[in-house]
Amino acid sequence: MIKRSKKVALVTGSSKGIGNNIADTLLANNYTVYINGRNLTKLKTQKKYINKSVKFIQADLCSEKYVKSTLRKILKNEGKIDLIVSNIGDGKYSSGYDFNIKDFYKIFEINFFSAVLVSRHAIDYMKKEKGHIIFVSSIAGCESLPAPIAYSAAKTALLSYSKNLANEVAKYNIRINTISPGNVMFKGSTWDKKYKINKNAIQKYIKNNVPLNCFIEPNDISQAVIFLENSNHVTGTNIIIDGGQTRKII
C-alpha cells in the first residue's frame, strides 16, 4: 500500500545550485523529494541524503518523452504529485542582436518549453487531487536588464505563461506561481566565476545596481518556495527576490 502522509515534490534541474538547495529545503520540511538532473552519479553518494526521503530521476526534462516517463514513475511510486518546482534554466549566452537563430530556439527550449512540458503533463495528474507548480524565472524577464536578449525573452514568456495558466487551472484547485531571482551567488555559478575573474568590477556592479548591496543566496529562493507552499490562497503571483534591483512598480 502506498503511504501518502508526506507531500511529494519533483524539483527539475536540482542536481546543483538553486534547484539542489530547494530540494534539500523540501526534504527538511518533511517532503518526499525527487531530484532531477542529467548526471546524478556524484549526488547519489552524498552523505546528506542517507536515510532521507529522496529519490533520483536522471533524465533530460527538456524532452517530452522523459517528462512523461518521469511523471508516470512518480505516480506509480507515490500515487500523487503535490508540488513541482520547475527550475531548469541556463543564462550563459552571448549578448547582442546578432545571435544565431538556432541558439535562440535552444534557449527557449531550456528556459521556457521545459517548464511548459512539465506543467502541461503534470496538470493532467494534479486535476484529480489538486497541486502546486512553481516556476523559477528571473528578473531578466521582469524588465529590460543587461542580459542576453533570448534569455530575457524566454523568461518574460514564462511569466506570461504562468499568469495565464494560473487563471486557467484554478478551477481544479491547482496553483501556479513564479519566483524571479536576481543575482544568485553559489559555488560554480555564473556570478561566482565572474567574481573570481574581476572581484572589484563585480562588487562595483552590485553596489551601483542593488540597493541592499548584496547577492541573492539559493536559500532565499528555497524559503520563498516554502512560503508559497504554505500560502494556500496565493496563485498567479511572481515573487521577485533581487535586493531591490528592479525598479518596476507592478
Protein backbone atom coordinates (compact mmCIF):
# COMPACT_ATOMS: atom_id res chain seq x y z
CA MET A 1 0.00 0.00 0.00
CA ILE A 2 1.26 3.47 -0.90
CA LYS A 3 1.96 5.74 2.07
CA ARG A 4 0.55 9.20 1.44
CA SER A 5 1.37 11.11 4.61
CA LYS A 6 4.18 13.18 3.15
CA LYS A 7 3.84 15.67 0.33
CA VAL A 8 5.56 14.57 -2.86
CA ALA A 9 7.68 17.04 -4.81
CA LEU A 10 9.62 16.96 -8.06
CA VAL A 11 12.34 19.59 -8.46
CA THR A 12 13.60 19.74 -12.03
CA GLY A 13 17.21 20.74 -12.62
CA SER A 14 18.09 20.02 -8.99
CA SER A 15 21.49 18.34 -9.19
CA LYS A 16 23.24 21.54 -8.06
CA GLY A 17 22.82 25.22 -7.25
CA ILE A 18 19.37 26.70 -6.71
CA GLY A 19 17.48 23.52 -7.52
CA ASN A 20 19.54 21.38 -5.15
CA ASN A 21 19.05 23.87 -2.33
CA ILE A 22 15.28 23.82 -2.96
CA ALA A 23 15.31 20.00 -2.85
CA ASP A 24 17.24 19.99 0.43
CA THR A 25 14.88 22.55 1.97
CA LEU A 26 11.83 20.50 0.98
CA LEU A 27 13.45 17.40 2.50
CA ALA A 28 14.00 19.34 5.72
CA ASN A 29 10.29 20.18 5.66
CA ASN A 30 9.24 16.51 5.51
CA TYR A 31 8.60 16.17 1.77
CA THR A 32 9.39 13.14 -0.33
CA VAL A 33 11.60 14.74 -2.97
CA TYR A 34 12.51 13.61 -6.47
CA ILE A 35 15.80 15.19 -7.51
CA ASN A 36 16.33 15.53 -11.26
CA GLY A 37 19.33 16.12 -13.44
CA ARG A 38 21.17 14.74 -16.45
CA ASN A 39 24.05 13.47 -14.30
CA LEU A 40 23.38 12.41 -10.72
CA THR A 41 26.22 9.93 -10.15
CA LYS A 42 28.10 12.01 -7.57
CA LEU A 43 24.94 13.37 -5.94
CA LYS A 44 23.53 9.92 -5.17
CA THR A 45 26.50 9.08 -2.95
CA GLN A 46 26.42 12.22 -0.80
CA LYS A 47 26.06 11.60 2.93
CA LYS A 48 23.39 14.28 3.31
CA TYR A 49 20.88 12.01 1.54
CA ILE A 50 21.41 8.93 3.68
CA ASN A 51 18.14 7.90 5.36
CA LYS A 52 16.28 10.78 3.71
CA SER A 53 13.05 10.61 1.68
CA VAL A 54 14.87 11.40 -1.54
CA LYS A 55 14.74 9.68 -4.91
CA PHE A 56 16.62 10.41 -8.11
CA ILE A 57 15.39 10.87 -11.67
CA GLN A 58 18.26 11.01 -14.17
CA ALA A 59 16.68 12.44 -17.32
CA ASP A 60 16.71 15.43 -19.63
CA LEU A 61 13.33 17.00 -18.85
CA CYS A 62 13.54 19.25 -21.89
CA SER A 63 12.36 16.12 -23.71
CA GLU A 64 8.62 15.39 -23.71
CA LYS A 65 9.31 11.65 -23.74
CA TYR A 66 11.28 11.85 -20.50
CA VAL A 67 8.83 14.26 -18.89
CA LYS A 68 6.02 11.77 -19.44
CA SER A 69 8.03 8.77 -18.19
CA THR A 70 9.23 10.72 -15.13
CA LEU A 71 5.72 11.71 -14.10
CA ARG A 72 4.46 8.17 -14.66
CA LYS A 73 7.25 6.82 -12.45
CA ILE A 74 6.44 9.22 -9.62
CA LEU A 75 2.73 8.45 -9.84
CA LYS A 76 3.47 4.72 -9.79
CA ASN A 77 5.71 5.06 -6.73
CA GLU A 78 3.77 7.64 -4.73
CA GLY A 79 0.24 7.76 -6.12
CA LYS A 80 0.33 11.55 -6.35
CA ILE A 81 2.40 14.65 -7.09
CA ASP A 82 1.75 17.59 -4.76
CA LEU A 83 4.42 20.03 -5.91
CA ILE A 84 6.58 20.62 -8.96
CA VAL A 85 9.33 23.21 -8.89
CA SER A 86 10.38 23.83 -12.49
CA ASN A 87 13.94 25.05 -12.16
CA ILE A 88 15.62 24.05 -15.45
CA GLY A 89 17.30 27.09 -16.95
CA ASP A 90 20.52 28.48 -18.34
CA GLY A 91 21.52 32.10 -18.90
CA LYS A 92 25.05 31.54 -20.18
CA TYR A 93 24.66 33.02 -23.65
CA SER A 94 26.23 35.83 -25.59
CA SER A 95 24.53 39.21 -25.66
CA GLY A 96 23.68 41.34 -28.68
CA TYR A 97 21.16 41.31 -31.51
CA ASP A 98 23.30 39.21 -33.87
CA PHE A 99 22.51 35.86 -32.29
CA ASN A 100 22.29 32.55 -34.10
CA ILE A 101 18.60 31.69 -34.54
CA LYS A 102 19.32 28.06 -33.63
CA ASP A 103 20.74 29.25 -30.32
CA PHE A 104 17.58 31.33 -29.80
CA TYR A 105 15.42 28.24 -30.22
CA LYS A 106 17.68 26.29 -27.85
CA ILE A 107 17.46 28.99 -25.19
CA PHE A 108 13.66 28.88 -25.37
CA GLU A 109 13.70 25.10 -25.19
CA ILE A 110 15.69 25.18 -21.94
CA ASN A 111 14.24 28.26 -20.24
CA PHE A 112 10.62 28.18 -21.43
CA PHE A 113 9.47 24.98 -23.09
CA SER A 114 10.92 22.73 -20.39
CA ALA A 115 8.55 24.45 -17.95
CA VAL A 116 5.64 24.22 -20.39
CA LEU A 117 6.20 20.49 -20.89
CA VAL A 118 6.38 19.50 -17.23
CA SER A 119 3.39 21.66 -16.24
CA ARG A 120 1.27 20.60 -19.20
CA HIS A 121 1.57 16.92 -18.36
CA ALA A 122 1.58 17.31 -14.57
CA ILE A 123 -1.76 19.12 -14.63
CA ASP A 124 -3.45 16.02 -16.04
CA TYR A 125 -2.49 14.19 -12.82
CA MET A 126 -2.97 17.11 -10.43
CA LYS A 127 -6.57 17.68 -11.57
CA LYS A 128 -7.59 14.66 -9.51
CA GLU A 129 -6.28 15.87 -6.14
CA LYS A 130 -5.08 19.48 -6.65
CA GLY A 131 -1.45 20.54 -6.70
CA HIS A 132 1.04 23.38 -6.96
CA ILE A 133 3.55 24.29 -9.69
CA ILE A 134 6.28 26.86 -9.09
CA PHE A 135 8.39 28.17 -11.96
CA VAL A 136 11.83 29.66 -11.34
CA SER A 137 12.18 32.61 -13.71
CA SER A 138 14.49 35.64 -13.48
CA ILE A 139 14.36 39.39 -13.04
CA ALA A 140 15.66 39.47 -16.62
CA GLY A 141 12.11 38.52 -17.57
CA CYS A 142 10.57 41.30 -15.47
CA GLU A 143 12.23 44.33 -17.06
CA SER A 144 14.96 45.26 -19.50
CA LEU A 145 18.34 44.48 -17.96
CA PRO A 146 21.82 43.79 -19.37
CA ALA A 147 21.10 40.11 -20.02
CA PRO A 148 21.10 38.11 -23.28
CA ILE A 149 18.03 39.04 -25.36
CA ALA A 150 16.92 35.47 -25.97
CA TYR A 151 17.22 34.59 -22.28
CA SER A 152 15.23 37.65 -21.23
CA ALA A 153 12.56 36.93 -23.84
CA ALA A 154 12.23 33.31 -22.68
CA LYS A 155 11.87 34.33 -19.04
CA THR A 156 9.29 37.00 -19.93
CA ALA A 157 7.34 34.37 -21.85
CA LEU A 158 7.48 32.14 -18.77
CA LEU A 159 5.96 34.90 -16.61
CA SER A 160 3.13 35.39 -19.08
CA TYR A 161 2.55 31.65 -19.34
CA SER A 162 2.48 31.30 -15.55
CA LYS A 163 -0.09 34.06 -15.05
CA ASN A 164 -2.42 32.82 -17.76
CA LEU A 165 -2.05 29.20 -16.70
CA ALA A 166 -2.90 30.09 -13.09
CA ASN A 167 -6.22 31.55 -14.20
CA GLU A 168 -6.97 28.55 -16.40
CA VAL A 169 -6.35 25.78 -13.84
CA ALA A 170 -7.61 27.44 -10.65
CA LYS A 171 -10.95 25.66 -11.18
CA TYR A 172 -9.10 22.39 -10.49
CA ASN A 173 -7.58 23.75 -7.25
CA ILE A 174 -4.17 23.82 -8.91
CA ARG A 175 -1.99 26.79 -8.01
CA ILE A 176 0.67 28.26 -10.31
CA ASN A 177 3.30 30.70 -9.05
CA THR A 178 6.68 32.05 -10.10
CA ILE A 179 9.86 33.15 -8.34
CA SER A 180 12.17 35.59 -10.13
CA PRO A 181 15.63 35.81 -8.55
CA GLY A 182 18.20 38.49 -9.18
CA ASN A 183 21.95 37.89 -8.97
CA VAL A 184 22.29 34.49 -7.31
CA MET A 185 25.66 33.57 -5.85
CA PHE A 186 26.73 30.00 -5.14
CA LYS A 187 29.82 27.90 -5.81
CA GLY A 188 30.21 27.37 -9.54
CA SER A 189 27.52 29.87 -10.50
CA THR A 190 27.94 32.43 -13.28
CA TRP A 191 28.37 35.16 -10.68
CA ASP A 192 30.91 33.10 -8.77
CA LYS A 193 33.00 32.76 -11.94
CA LYS A 194 32.68 36.46 -12.77
CA TYR A 195 33.62 37.36 -9.20
CA LYS A 196 36.81 35.30 -9.36
CA ILE A 197 37.82 36.93 -12.65
CA ASN A 198 37.22 40.55 -11.59
CA LYS A 199 36.20 40.93 -7.95
CA ASN A 200 36.36 44.73 -7.94
CA ALA A 201 34.19 45.15 -11.03
CA ILE A 202 31.52 42.80 -9.70
CA GLN A 203 31.47 44.47 -6.30
CA LYS A 204 31.05 47.81 -8.02
CA TYR A 205 28.20 46.49 -10.18
CA ILE A 206 26.33 45.13 -7.16
CA LYS A 207 26.86 48.34 -5.20
CA ASN A 208 25.62 50.51 -8.08
CA ASN A 209 22.64 48.36 -9.07
CA VAL A 210 21.38 46.54 -5.98
CA PRO A 211 20.10 48.84 -3.20
CA LEU A 212 20.72 46.21 -0.49
CA ASN A 213 24.25 45.78 -1.89
CA CYS A 214 24.05 42.00 -1.82
CA PHE A 215 23.90 38.85 -3.86
CA ILE A 216 20.90 36.57 -3.59
CA GLU A 217 21.53 33.19 -1.96
CA PRO A 218 19.88 29.94 -3.04
CA ASN A 219 18.25 29.66 0.38
CA ASP A 220 16.38 32.92 -0.27
CA ILE A 221 14.64 31.20 -3.17
CA SER A 222 14.05 28.00 -1.21
CA GLN A 223 12.34 29.91 1.58
CA ALA A 224 10.09 31.55 -1.00
CA VAL A 225 9.10 28.07 -2.18
CA ILE A 226 8.10 27.15 1.38
CA PHE A 227 6.19 30.43 1.76
CA LEU A 228 4.22 29.75 -1.42
CA GLU A 229 3.57 26.16 -0.36
CA ASN A 230 2.12 27.38 2.94
CA SER A 231 0.02 30.11 1.28
CA ASN A 232 -3.00 28.20 0.05
CA HIS A 233 -4.74 31.22 -1.46
CA VAL A 234 -1.79 32.57 -3.45
CA THR A 235 -1.77 31.82 -7.17
CA GLY A 236 -0.73 33.67 -10.31
CA THR A 237 1.88 35.67 -8.45
CA ASN A 238 5.55 36.38 -9.13
CA ILE A 239 7.86 36.83 -6.16
CA ILE A 240 10.90 38.95 -7.02
CA ILE A 241 14.00 38.33 -4.90
CA ASP A 242 16.65 40.78 -6.05
CA GLY A 243 17.77 43.02 -3.21
CA GLY A 244 15.75 45.86 -4.74
CA GLN A 245 17.42 45.81 -8.16
CA THR A 246 14.29 46.01 -10.33
CA ARG A 247 12.60 49.39 -10.50
CA LYS A 248 9.17 48.44 -11.85
CA ILE A 249 6.10 49.38 -9.82
CA ILE A 250 3.90 46.40 -10.80
